[in-house]
Protein backbone atom coordinates (compact mmCIF):
# COMPACT_ATOMS: atom_id res chain seq x y z
CA UNK A 1 0.00 0.00 0.00
CA UNK A 2 1.40 3.41 -0.93
CA UNK A 3 1.32 6.42 1.31
CA UNK A 4 1.10 6.58 5.08
CA UNK A 5 -1.30 7.43 7.86
CA UNK A 6 -1.31 8.61 11.41
CA UNK A 7 -4.13 8.58 13.91
CA UNK A 8 -4.88 10.45 17.10
CA UNK A 9 -7.49 11.86 19.46
CA UNK A 10 -8.47 15.25 20.73
CA UNK A 11 -9.25 15.72 24.40
CA UNK A 12 -8.82 12.08 25.39
CA UNK A 13 -9.23 11.66 29.14
CA UNK A 14 -9.09 7.88 29.58
CA UNK A 15 -5.70 6.22 29.39
CA UNK A 16 -7.20 2.86 28.41
CA UNK A 17 -8.85 4.42 25.33
CA UNK A 18 -5.57 6.03 24.26
CA UNK A 19 -3.67 2.80 24.83
CA UNK A 20 -6.22 0.75 22.93
CA UNK A 21 -6.23 3.11 19.93
CA UNK A 22 -2.43 3.30 19.82
CA UNK A 23 -2.01 -0.48 20.05
CA UNK A 24 -4.49 -0.98 17.21
CA UNK A 25 -2.75 1.74 15.16
CA UNK A 26 0.55 -0.06 15.65
CA UNK A 27 -1.03 -3.32 14.48
CA UNK A 28 -2.45 -1.66 11.34
CA UNK A 29 0.91 -0.08 10.47
CA UNK A 30 0.37 3.56 11.43
CA UNK A 31 3.32 5.83 10.71
CA UNK A 32 2.63 8.00 13.77
CA UNK A 33 0.13 8.51 16.59
CA UNK A 34 -0.80 11.72 18.36
CA UNK A 35 -2.98 13.47 20.90
CA UNK A 36 -4.37 16.99 20.92
CA UNK A 37 -5.23 18.62 24.27
CA UNK A 38 -5.03 15.27 26.06
CA UNK A 39 -5.86 14.98 29.75
CA UNK A 40 -4.88 11.43 30.70
CA UNK A 41 -2.02 9.79 32.58
CA UNK A 42 0.27 8.55 29.79
CA UNK A 43 1.90 6.01 32.07
CA UNK A 44 -1.50 4.34 32.54
CA UNK A 45 -2.03 3.77 28.77
CA UNK A 46 0.44 0.87 28.86
CA UNK A 47 -2.21 -1.30 30.51
CA UNK A 48 -4.07 -1.40 27.18
CA UNK A 49 -1.11 -0.80 24.86
CA UNK A 50 0.76 -4.03 25.41
CA UNK A 51 2.73 -3.55 22.17
CA UNK A 52 4.37 -0.40 23.62
CA UNK A 53 3.50 1.67 20.57
CA UNK A 54 5.25 4.81 21.78
CA UNK A 55 8.56 2.90 21.70
CA UNK A 56 7.91 1.63 18.16
CA UNK A 57 6.05 4.45 16.37
CA UNK A 58 6.56 8.23 16.64
CA UNK A 59 4.20 9.80 19.19
CA UNK A 60 3.32 13.50 19.21
CA UNK A 61 1.48 15.33 22.00
CA UNK A 62 0.05 18.67 20.88
CA UNK A 63 -1.24 20.97 23.64
CA UNK A 64 -4.02 22.50 21.48
CA UNK A 65 -5.44 22.35 17.92
CA UNK A 66 -3.39 25.37 16.77
CA UNK A 67 -0.13 23.59 17.57
CA UNK A 68 -0.99 20.48 15.50
CA UNK A 69 1.68 20.12 12.80
CA UNK A 70 1.44 17.52 10.03
CA UNK A 71 3.80 16.53 7.22
CA UNK A 72 3.50 18.44 3.95
CA UNK A 73 0.72 16.94 1.82
CA UNK A 74 -0.90 15.09 4.72
CA UNK A 75 -4.70 15.49 4.76
CA UNK A 76 -6.35 15.87 8.17
CA UNK A 77 -9.51 13.75 8.39
CA UNK A 78 -11.90 14.26 11.29
CA UNK A 79 -14.09 11.36 12.44
CA UNK A 80 -17.35 12.59 13.89
CA UNK A 81 -21.07 11.69 14.05
CA UNK A 82 -22.29 14.67 12.03
CA UNK A 83 -25.04 14.67 9.41
CA UNK A 84 -22.87 16.65 6.98
CA UNK A 85 -19.94 14.21 7.28
CA UNK A 86 -19.32 11.67 4.53
CA UNK A 87 -20.29 8.14 5.51
CA UNK A 88 -17.20 5.95 5.78
CA UNK A 89 -18.28 3.37 3.14
CA UNK A 90 -18.51 6.22 0.57
CA UNK A 91 -15.24 7.90 1.55
CA UNK A 92 -12.08 7.66 -0.56
CA UNK A 93 -9.14 7.69 1.84
CA UNK A 94 -6.31 10.10 0.97
CA UNK A 95 -2.99 8.40 0.23
CA UNK A 96 -1.33 10.41 3.02
CA UNK A 97 -3.68 11.11 5.92
CA UNK A 98 -3.89 11.87 9.61
CA UNK A 99 -7.16 10.83 11.26
CA UNK A 100 -8.36 12.55 14.40
CA UNK A 101 -11.18 11.30 16.60
CA UNK A 102 -13.11 13.39 19.10
CA UNK A 103 -13.03 12.96 22.87
CA UNK A 104 -15.09 10.50 24.84
CA UNK A 105 -18.60 11.88 25.34
CA UNK A 106 -17.82 14.87 23.15
CA UNK A 107 -17.14 16.18 19.68
CA UNK A 108 -14.15 17.65 17.89
CA UNK A 109 -13.56 21.25 18.88
CA UNK A 110 -14.68 23.83 16.29
CA UNK A 111 -11.05 24.90 15.78
CA UNK A 112 -9.87 21.37 14.99
CA UNK A 113 -12.94 20.52 12.89
CA UNK A 114 -12.27 23.65 10.78
CA UNK A 115 -8.73 22.41 10.07
CA UNK A 116 -9.97 19.07 8.75
CA UNK A 117 -9.92 18.67 4.98
CA UNK A 118 -12.53 15.90 5.30
CA UNK A 119 -15.10 14.89 7.92
CA UNK A 120 -16.26 11.27 7.93
CA UNK A 121 -18.71 9.35 10.04
CA UNK A 122 -19.07 5.69 10.82
CA UNK A 123 -22.72 4.88 10.02
CA UNK A 124 -23.82 3.63 13.43
CA UNK A 125 -26.98 4.47 15.37
CA UNK A 126 -24.98 5.99 18.21
CA UNK A 127 -21.39 6.68 19.16
CA UNK A 128 -19.05 3.74 19.73
CA UNK A 129 -15.92 3.61 21.90
CA UNK A 130 -13.07 5.69 20.47
CA UNK A 131 -10.79 2.65 20.25
CA UNK A 132 -13.43 0.70 18.34
CA UNK A 133 -14.10 3.67 16.03
CA UNK A 134 -10.37 3.90 15.28
CA UNK A 135 -10.17 0.18 14.52
CA UNK A 136 -13.13 0.39 12.12
CA UNK A 137 -11.56 3.39 10.39
CA UNK A 138 -8.14 1.75 9.99
CA UNK A 139 -9.67 -1.49 8.74
CA UNK A 140 -11.68 0.45 6.16
CA UNK A 141 -8.49 2.18 5.01
CA UNK A 142 -6.73 -1.17 4.71
CA UNK A 143 -9.44 -2.88 2.66
CA UNK A 144 -10.06 0.12 0.40
CA UNK A 145 -6.41 1.05 -0.33
CA UNK A 146 -4.73 -2.34 0.10
CA UNK A 147 -4.23 -4.73 -2.76
CA UNK A 148 -6.92 -7.34 -2.18
CA UNK A 149 -8.96 -9.32 -4.71
CA UNK A 150 -12.64 -8.63 -5.14
CA UNK A 151 -14.82 -10.50 -2.65
CA UNK A 152 -16.83 -13.53 -3.79
CA UNK A 153 -20.44 -12.99 -4.82
CA UNK A 154 -21.73 -15.50 -2.24
CA UNK A 155 -20.42 -16.79 1.10
CA UNK A 156 -19.02 -20.10 -0.19
CA UNK A 157 -17.74 -18.63 -3.47
CA UNK A 158 -14.11 -18.56 -4.47
CA UNK A 159 -12.25 -15.27 -4.35
CA UNK A 160 -11.12 -13.89 -7.68
CA UNK A 161 -7.35 -13.89 -8.11
CA UNK A 162 -5.56 -10.57 -8.21
CA UNK A 163 -4.84 -9.43 -11.75
CA UNK A 164 -1.18 -9.40 -12.72
CA UNK A 165 0.26 -5.89 -12.85
CA UNK A 166 0.70 -4.49 -16.34
CA UNK A 167 3.67 -2.28 -17.03
CA UNK A 168 3.90 -0.06 -20.09
CA UNK A 169 6.97 1.18 -21.89
CA UNK A 170 9.19 3.50 -19.90
CA UNK A 171 8.38 7.18 -20.21
CA UNK A 172 11.40 9.37 -20.77
CA UNK A 173 11.28 12.97 -19.67
CA UNK A 174 13.14 14.08 -22.77
CA UNK A 175 13.32 12.39 -26.09
CA UNK A 176 16.62 10.70 -26.92
CA UNK A 177 16.88 12.78 -30.12
CA UNK A 178 17.43 15.90 -28.02
CA UNK A 179 20.52 14.36 -26.47
CA UNK A 180 21.83 13.09 -29.80
CA UNK A 181 21.54 16.42 -31.64
CA UNK A 182 22.42 18.95 -28.94
CA UNK A 183 26.07 19.39 -27.97
CA UNK A 184 26.76 18.70 -24.32
CA UNK A 185 26.91 21.72 -22.05
CA UNK A 186 30.42 22.53 -20.83
CA UNK A 187 31.07 21.78 -17.19
CA UNK A 188 32.83 24.36 -15.04
CA UNK A 189 36.45 23.49 -14.26
CA UNK A 190 37.59 23.12 -10.74
CA UNK A 191 41.24 23.90 -10.22
CA UNK A 192 42.50 23.24 -6.93
């Protein structure tokens, strides 16, 4: 799978939720994890994060939404139960993305929601645990961007094999004729 992703939470107050999300992110191959305005005891998150994600994957703790810094070209995707948000099954994940989930018993702050390039929602009747929501989101990213064959049409059906990749002729930036007809540019001499 090309690209990368990171995942984090705003205003998380329960260490077990943070640990659970980070452990799942590590399992799904996240490139980084983060918190924004967190209010939990980081030492306590290890009870749920048995893979010790913070020792394996970069962890960033941002004190507020304005301090959140992402890599160039990384799309911020907010996950929230809003009517105007795109339902997850209809969402095309960006190749390079950072997903941010809202706090327990709350929503993303207006400042952070305004910074999101996309808002998505998991189509459930009511809010689910933040760790579960993160796992659903990362699984959806994996199955939609990963290289998997199409699913069978019925439960006992055979999966279709993956098509072999097809490579075309190489594309040259300049035609070879340009190099053959133009004299080479002189290189500066270095005496020394």
